[in-house]
């Protein structure tokens, strides 16, 4: 298994474009649709398509509206698996989660977008899809309580087909948790930890006041 991970990492780039977007995260077993319209990010997507097809999703720290916001140290790479162009020159893409990374240092910008040097080694287990010990029924039950409390519309039948790691990372990425909570999910060490945190966030959210104010925890 270690050799397989080492071989996989050898095919990953050391320098990668990053897309800092508060509240938008991708996890190793999830997917993230994105609507790209700013020139710098159109450049980023086109360059990625011509190269490794990988884009790093990293959450900004502090003022997310700053021109160059500070970044969290840990993000997750997504591979462009689908893209289409619109008549008004936007790109609609879907990223499939691949592996998390730590930022080593920021590099010079390219074509207006940010790039970072990354280290993959801490997250070899992200490439192991055989993780067990996750109870999908309990997770879905907690997510349903959360969705009902927040009046969310969810296609639960689509989730029935997902393996437990896919279920965890799909819900973790798509449910409307705060940026800080989503960063906690990104940084959870292994998939079981992420599943436990996801369940806890759903349970806290299910008991939030009617006005949507977060429960203090």
Protein backbone atom coordinates (compact mmCIF):
# COMPACT_ATOMS: atom_id res chain seq x y z
CA UNK A 1 0.00 0.00 0.00
CA UNK A 2 2.81 2.39 0.86
CA UNK A 3 4.46 1.72 -2.50
CA UNK A 4 1.18 2.43 -4.29
CA UNK A 5 0.85 5.75 -2.49
CA UNK A 6 4.46 6.67 -3.22
CA UNK A 7 3.96 5.93 -6.90
CA UNK A 8 0.76 7.98 -6.98
CA UNK A 9 2.41 10.95 -5.29
CA UNK A 10 5.22 10.88 -7.83
CA UNK A 11 2.63 11.77 -10.46
CA UNK A 12 1.29 14.75 -8.48
CA UNK A 13 2.71 18.23 -9.14
CA UNK A 14 4.87 20.00 -6.58
CA UNK A 15 3.41 23.37 -7.57
CA UNK A 16 -0.31 23.80 -8.09
CA UNK A 17 -2.82 26.59 -8.75
CA UNK A 18 -5.14 27.38 -5.87
CA UNK A 19 -8.64 28.78 -5.77
CA UNK A 20 -9.34 30.53 -2.44
CA UNK A 21 -13.10 30.49 -1.96
CA UNK A 22 -14.69 30.79 1.48
CA UNK A 23 -17.18 28.03 2.25
CA UNK A 24 -16.33 26.01 -0.87
CA UNK A 25 -14.32 22.90 -0.11
CA UNK A 26 -13.67 19.62 -1.82
CA UNK A 27 -12.74 16.42 -0.03
CA UNK A 28 -10.96 13.33 -1.37
CA UNK A 29 -14.14 11.34 -2.10
CA UNK A 30 -16.40 14.23 -3.08
CA UNK A 31 -17.16 16.46 -6.04
CA UNK A 32 -17.49 20.21 -6.38
CA UNK A 33 -19.24 22.08 -9.24
CA UNK A 34 -17.85 25.54 -9.95
CA UNK A 35 -18.99 28.44 -12.11
CA UNK A 36 -15.84 30.21 -13.33
CA UNK A 37 -16.17 33.75 -14.67
CA UNK A 38 -13.25 35.92 -13.44
CA UNK A 39 -10.45 36.26 -15.97
CA UNK A 40 -7.76 35.04 -13.58
CA UNK A 41 -9.68 31.88 -12.76
CA UNK A 42 -10.60 31.27 -16.38
CA UNK A 43 -6.84 31.37 -17.03
CA UNK A 44 -6.29 28.99 -14.13
CA UNK A 45 -8.80 26.44 -15.40
CA UNK A 46 -7.51 26.54 -18.97
CA UNK A 47 -3.92 26.15 -17.78
CA UNK A 48 -4.94 23.25 -15.54
CA UNK A 49 -6.76 21.52 -18.39
CA UNK A 50 -3.58 21.80 -20.46
CA UNK A 51 -1.53 20.32 -17.60
CA UNK A 52 -2.25 18.09 -14.61
CA UNK A 53 -5.98 19.02 -14.50
CA UNK A 54 -5.53 19.57 -10.74
CA UNK A 55 -6.70 22.66 -8.86
CA UNK A 56 -6.23 23.15 -5.14
CA UNK A 57 -9.24 24.39 -3.19
CA UNK A 58 -8.04 26.32 -0.14
CA UNK A 59 -10.11 28.40 2.23
CA UNK A 60 -9.03 31.96 2.96
CA UNK A 61 -8.33 33.09 6.50
CA UNK A 62 -9.66 36.31 7.99
CA UNK A 63 -11.05 38.73 5.41
CA UNK A 64 -12.10 36.53 2.51
CA UNK A 65 -12.84 39.65 0.44
CA UNK A 66 -9.25 40.90 0.59
CA UNK A 67 -7.48 41.12 -2.76
CA UNK A 68 -4.89 38.54 -1.65
CA UNK A 69 -6.32 36.85 1.47
CA UNK A 70 -4.17 34.76 3.77
CA UNK A 71 -4.70 31.05 3.17
CA UNK A 72 -5.24 28.14 5.50
CA UNK A 73 -2.30 25.74 5.56
CA UNK A 74 -4.29 22.70 4.37
CA UNK A 75 -6.46 22.28 1.31
CA UNK A 76 -7.56 19.55 -1.08
CA UNK A 77 -6.81 19.00 -4.75
CA UNK A 78 -9.58 18.32 -7.22
CA UNK A 79 -9.20 16.99 -10.72
CA UNK A 80 -11.23 18.60 -13.49
CA UNK A 81 -13.47 15.77 -14.71
CA UNK A 82 -16.01 17.85 -16.62
CA UNK A 83 -16.10 21.29 -18.16
CA UNK A 84 -18.28 23.21 -20.58
CA UNK A 85 -18.27 26.73 -21.99
CA UNK A 86 -21.26 29.07 -21.92
CA UNK A 87 -22.26 31.70 -24.46
CA UNK A 88 -21.22 34.46 -22.02
CA UNK A 89 -17.67 33.08 -21.72
CA UNK A 90 -18.00 31.30 -18.39
CA UNK A 91 -16.65 27.84 -17.69
CA UNK A 92 -18.75 25.31 -15.77
CA UNK A 93 -16.50 22.67 -14.27
CA UNK A 94 -16.74 19.75 -11.89
CA UNK A 95 -13.82 18.87 -9.65
CA UNK A 96 -13.45 15.34 -8.27
CA UNK A 97 -11.56 15.20 -5.01
CA UNK A 98 -8.15 13.55 -5.14
CA UNK A 99 -5.98 14.19 -2.08
CA UNK A 100 -5.36 16.82 0.55
CA UNK A 101 -2.12 18.75 0.79
CA UNK A 102 -0.17 21.09 3.04
CA UNK A 103 1.06 24.39 1.64
CA UNK A 104 4.84 24.67 1.86
CA UNK A 105 5.11 28.19 0.45
CA UNK A 106 3.42 30.49 -2.00
CA UNK A 107 4.96 30.90 -5.45
CA UNK A 108 4.79 33.75 -7.94
CA UNK A 109 1.41 34.29 -9.53
CA UNK A 110 0.80 33.04 -13.06
CA UNK A 111 -1.71 34.69 -15.41
CA UNK A 112 -3.28 36.44 -12.42
CA UNK A 113 -3.95 33.38 -10.23
CA UNK A 114 -2.13 32.15 -7.15
CA UNK A 115 0.12 29.10 -7.01
CA UNK A 116 1.62 27.22 -4.10
CA UNK A 117 4.28 24.61 -3.49
CA UNK A 118 2.61 21.68 -1.79
CA UNK A 119 3.48 18.59 0.26
CA UNK A 120 1.26 15.54 -0.15
CA UNK A 121 2.95 13.09 2.21
CA UNK A 122 0.78 13.60 5.29
CA UNK A 123 -2.32 12.44 3.42
CA UNK A 124 -1.38 9.12 1.83
CA UNK A 125 -4.47 7.53 3.36
CA UNK A 126 -6.65 9.82 1.21
CA UNK A 127 -5.82 7.50 -1.70
CA UNK A 128 -7.10 4.43 0.16
CA UNK A 129 -10.76 3.97 -0.78
CA UNK A 130 -11.18 0.85 1.40
CA UNK A 131 -11.64 2.74 4.68
CA UNK A 132 -14.23 0.98 6.85
CA UNK A 133 -15.99 1.47 10.16
CA UNK A 134 -18.45 4.14 8.98
CA UNK A 135 -22.17 3.70 9.59
CA UNK A 136 -23.91 5.30 6.63
CA UNK A 137 -27.38 4.94 8.16
CA UNK A 138 -26.41 6.96 11.25
CA UNK A 139 -24.82 9.69 9.13
CA UNK A 140 -27.85 9.99 6.87
CA UNK A 141 -30.18 10.10 9.87
CA UNK A 142 -28.19 13.00 11.37
CA UNK A 143 -28.03 14.78 8.03
CA UNK A 144 -31.81 14.43 7.60
CA UNK A 145 -32.41 16.02 11.01
CA UNK A 146 -30.07 18.87 10.05
CA UNK A 147 -31.76 19.34 6.66
CA UNK A 148 -35.24 19.30 8.16
CA UNK A 149 -34.28 21.90 10.76
CA UNK A 150 -32.75 24.15 8.07
CA UNK A 151 -35.55 23.50 5.52
CA UNK A 152 -33.07 22.15 2.99
CA UNK A 153 -34.08 20.23 -0.10
CA UNK A 154 -31.91 17.14 -0.53
CA UNK A 155 -32.17 14.30 -3.04
CA UNK A 156 -31.64 11.51 -0.52
CA UNK A 157 -32.13 8.79 -3.14
CA UNK A 158 -28.94 9.94 -4.90
CA UNK A 159 -26.99 9.38 -1.68
CA UNK A 160 -28.15 5.77 -1.38
CA UNK A 161 -25.76 4.74 -4.15
CA UNK A 162 -22.67 6.19 -2.48
CA UNK A 163 -20.05 4.21 -0.61
CA UNK A 164 -19.49 5.43 2.98
CA UNK A 165 -16.40 7.58 2.21
CA UNK A 166 -18.22 9.17 -0.74
CA UNK A 167 -21.27 9.80 1.42
CA UNK A 168 -19.23 11.49 4.15
CA UNK A 169 -17.29 13.73 1.77
CA UNK A 170 -20.33 14.60 -0.34
CA UNK A 171 -22.34 15.73 2.68
CA UNK A 172 -19.33 17.46 4.27
CA UNK A 173 -18.77 19.49 1.13
CA UNK A 174 -22.39 20.28 0.26
CA UNK A 175 -24.20 20.97 3.54
CA UNK A 176 -24.23 24.66 4.57
CA UNK A 177 -21.76 24.60 7.44
CA UNK A 178 -19.72 27.68 8.28
CA UNK A 179 -16.32 28.18 6.60
CA UNK A 180 -14.62 27.40 9.93
CA UNK A 181 -16.59 24.18 10.30
CA UNK A 182 -15.79 23.17 6.75
CA UNK A 183 -12.10 23.80 7.36
CA UNK A 184 -12.35 21.52 10.37
CA UNK A 185 -13.71 18.81 8.08
CA UNK A 186 -10.84 19.36 5.64
CA UNK A 187 -8.31 19.00 8.44
CA UNK A 188 -9.87 15.93 10.10
CA UNK A 189 -7.07 13.38 10.09
CA UNK A 190 -8.80 10.35 8.57
CA UNK A 191 -12.20 9.58 7.07
CA UNK A 192 -13.56 8.15 10.35
CA UNK A 193 -12.67 11.41 12.13
CA UNK A 194 -14.39 13.33 9.35
CA UNK A 195 -17.48 11.16 9.70
CA UNK A 196 -17.62 11.78 13.45
CA UNK A 197 -17.21 15.54 13.00
CA UNK A 198 -19.82 15.60 10.24
CA UNK A 199 -22.29 13.80 12.49
CA UNK A 200 -21.57 16.19 15.36
CA UNK A 201 -22.05 19.25 13.14
CA UNK A 202 -25.35 17.87 11.88
CA UNK A 203 -26.56 17.16 15.39
CA UNK A 204 -25.57 20.65 16.59
CA UNK A 205 -27.19 22.20 13.54
CA UNK A 206 -30.38 20.23 14.09
CA UNK A 207 -30.81 21.88 17.49
CA UNK A 208 -30.00 25.42 16.32
CA UNK A 209 -32.55 28.20 16.98
CA UNK A 210 -35.23 28.77 14.37
CA UNK A 211 -33.50 31.93 13.11
CA UNK A 212 -30.51 29.83 12.02
CA UNK A 213 -28.14 31.23 14.64
CA UNK A 214 -25.35 28.67 15.14
CA UNK A 215 -25.37 26.68 18.33
CA UNK A 216 -22.44 27.60 20.56
CA UNK A 217 -20.06 24.68 20.82
